[in-house]
């Protein structure tokens, strides 16, 4: 199960990197508007992959719950993953915005929300990944 979980994490990260590259092209004005079908597909794929990562992680947890609950690295990883799940709901809102408005036309408040969501995603994925590696290799 560890290998399946790890492969799903890597696929999730790859999907998120592709989506982020696409979103960054909108933020920097290289694309005025994003294609709604592409955005929807990337968000759906990332959501399904994150769900399967959570499921396989849950199956790994069930094998030895007392070990994981007593490990602070695991608990920190759960916080990162919870942040990613919560942020996923906000990303859907911002993704729709990117298909209807240019980044330049957003208010300062809207821009701040988009950038905060991107930061939460970056920190969440990096933190969860590092914690996961720490759990496996230390």
Protein backbone atom coordinates (compact mmCIF):
# COMPACT_ATOMS: atom_id res chain seq x y z
CA UNK A 1 0.00 0.00 0.00
CA UNK A 2 2.93 2.36 0.64
CA UNK A 3 3.93 2.22 -3.03
CA UNK A 4 0.39 2.89 -4.26
CA UNK A 5 0.06 5.83 -1.84
CA UNK A 6 3.40 7.25 -2.96
CA UNK A 7 2.54 6.93 -6.68
CA UNK A 8 -0.80 8.65 -6.08
CA UNK A 9 0.98 11.46 -4.19
CA UNK A 10 3.38 11.92 -7.11
CA UNK A 11 0.51 11.94 -9.63
CA UNK A 12 -1.31 14.49 -7.46
CA UNK A 13 1.77 16.70 -7.28
CA UNK A 14 2.25 16.47 -11.03
CA UNK A 15 -1.38 17.45 -11.64
CA UNK A 16 -1.11 20.36 -9.22
CA UNK A 17 2.10 21.55 -10.88
CA UNK A 18 0.41 21.50 -14.30
CA UNK A 19 -2.60 23.38 -12.88
CA UNK A 20 -0.34 25.89 -11.11
CA UNK A 21 1.65 26.53 -14.29
CA UNK A 22 -1.62 27.18 -16.09
CA UNK A 23 -2.82 29.50 -13.31
CA UNK A 24 0.49 31.37 -13.20
CA UNK A 25 0.11 32.16 -16.89
CA UNK A 26 -3.16 33.89 -15.95
CA UNK A 27 -1.64 35.76 -12.99
CA UNK A 28 1.22 37.09 -15.14
CA UNK A 29 -1.09 38.02 -17.99
CA UNK A 30 0.21 35.51 -20.53
CA UNK A 31 -3.35 34.21 -20.74
CA UNK A 32 -6.12 36.72 -20.20
CA UNK A 33 -8.72 34.07 -19.40
CA UNK A 34 -8.34 30.38 -18.71
CA UNK A 35 -10.26 27.75 -20.63
CA UNK A 36 -13.19 26.58 -18.49
CA UNK A 37 -12.97 22.96 -19.67
CA UNK A 38 -9.25 22.71 -18.94
CA UNK A 39 -9.68 24.31 -15.52
CA UNK A 40 -12.59 22.02 -14.67
CA UNK A 41 -10.69 18.93 -15.81
CA UNK A 42 -7.56 19.83 -13.86
CA UNK A 43 -9.57 20.59 -10.73
CA UNK A 44 -11.52 17.34 -11.03
CA UNK A 45 -8.37 15.26 -11.57
CA UNK A 46 -6.59 16.95 -8.65
CA UNK A 47 -9.64 16.47 -6.40
CA UNK A 48 -10.01 12.78 -7.28
CA UNK A 49 -6.29 12.18 -6.80
CA UNK A 50 -6.26 13.99 -3.45
CA UNK A 51 -9.26 11.90 -2.38
CA UNK A 52 -7.46 8.68 -3.31
CA UNK A 53 -4.34 9.87 -1.49
CA UNK A 54 -6.46 10.46 1.62
CA UNK A 55 -8.10 7.03 1.19
CA UNK A 56 -4.82 5.15 0.79
CA UNK A 57 -3.33 7.16 3.65
CA UNK A 58 -6.31 6.13 5.77
CA UNK A 59 -5.72 2.49 4.88
CA UNK A 60 -2.08 2.85 5.93
CA UNK A 61 -3.25 4.45 9.18
CA UNK A 62 -5.62 1.56 9.95
CA UNK A 63 -2.68 -0.87 9.86
CA UNK A 64 -1.04 0.79 12.86
CA UNK A 65 -3.13 3.63 14.34
CA UNK A 66 -1.36 3.79 17.71
CA UNK A 67 1.98 4.35 15.99
CA UNK A 68 0.70 7.16 13.79
CA UNK A 69 -1.35 8.94 16.47
CA UNK A 70 1.72 9.09 18.71
CA UNK A 71 3.90 10.57 15.96
CA UNK A 72 3.88 14.36 15.86
CA UNK A 73 5.07 14.33 12.22
CA UNK A 74 1.92 12.44 11.26
CA UNK A 75 -0.27 14.93 13.12
CA UNK A 76 1.45 17.84 11.39
CA UNK A 77 0.92 16.07 8.05
CA UNK A 78 -2.80 15.82 8.85
CA UNK A 79 -2.93 19.59 9.35
CA UNK A 80 -1.30 20.15 5.95
CA UNK A 81 -3.70 17.71 4.28
CA UNK A 82 -6.71 19.33 5.98
CA UNK A 83 -5.49 22.69 4.67
CA UNK A 84 -5.27 21.26 1.14
CA UNK A 85 -8.78 19.85 1.33
CA UNK A 86 -10.23 23.13 2.61
CA UNK A 87 -8.24 25.12 0.06
CA UNK A 88 -9.64 22.92 -2.71
CA UNK A 89 -13.06 24.48 -2.16
CA UNK A 90 -11.62 27.99 -2.48
CA UNK A 91 -9.61 27.03 -5.56
CA UNK A 92 -12.81 26.08 -7.34
CA UNK A 93 -14.18 29.59 -6.75
CA UNK A 94 -10.95 31.24 -7.92
CA UNK A 95 -10.69 28.92 -10.91
CA UNK A 96 -14.11 30.05 -12.10
CA UNK A 97 -13.00 33.65 -11.67
CA UNK A 98 -9.98 32.95 -13.90
CA UNK A 99 -12.29 31.81 -16.69
CA UNK A 100 -14.39 34.98 -16.52
CA UNK A 101 -12.08 37.85 -15.50
CA UNK A 102 -8.52 38.83 -16.23
CA UNK A 103 -6.17 38.86 -13.26
CA UNK A 104 -5.46 42.54 -13.93
CA UNK A 105 -9.18 43.35 -13.52
CA UNK A 106 -9.41 41.81 -10.03
CA UNK A 107 -9.64 44.03 -6.98
CA UNK A 108 -6.77 44.03 -4.50
CA UNK A 109 -8.87 41.89 -2.17
CA UNK A 110 -9.57 39.33 -4.90
CA UNK A 111 -5.90 39.21 -5.87
CA UNK A 112 -4.88 38.73 -2.25
CA UNK A 113 -7.29 35.79 -1.89
CA UNK A 114 -5.96 34.15 -5.05
CA UNK A 115 -2.36 34.56 -3.91
CA UNK A 116 -3.12 33.30 -0.39
CA UNK A 117 -4.81 30.25 -1.85
CA UNK A 118 -1.74 29.60 -3.99
CA UNK A 119 0.51 29.96 -0.95
CA UNK A 120 -1.65 27.57 1.09
CA UNK A 121 -1.46 25.05 -1.76
CA UNK A 122 2.32 25.35 -2.06
CA UNK A 123 2.95 25.10 1.68
CA UNK A 124 0.35 22.34 2.10
CA UNK A 125 1.74 20.10 -0.63
CA UNK A 126 5.36 20.70 0.32
CA UNK A 127 4.67 20.20 4.03
CA UNK A 128 2.61 17.04 3.56
CA UNK A 129 5.20 15.61 1.16
CA UNK A 130 8.14 16.30 3.49
CA UNK A 131 6.23 14.92 6.48
CA UNK A 132 5.33 11.82 4.48
CA UNK A 133 8.95 11.23 3.50
CA UNK A 134 9.98 11.76 7.10
CA UNK A 135 7.45 9.16 8.27
CA UNK A 136 8.76 6.61 5.78
CA UNK A 137 12.49 7.21 5.96
CA UNK A 138 13.18 8.33 9.55
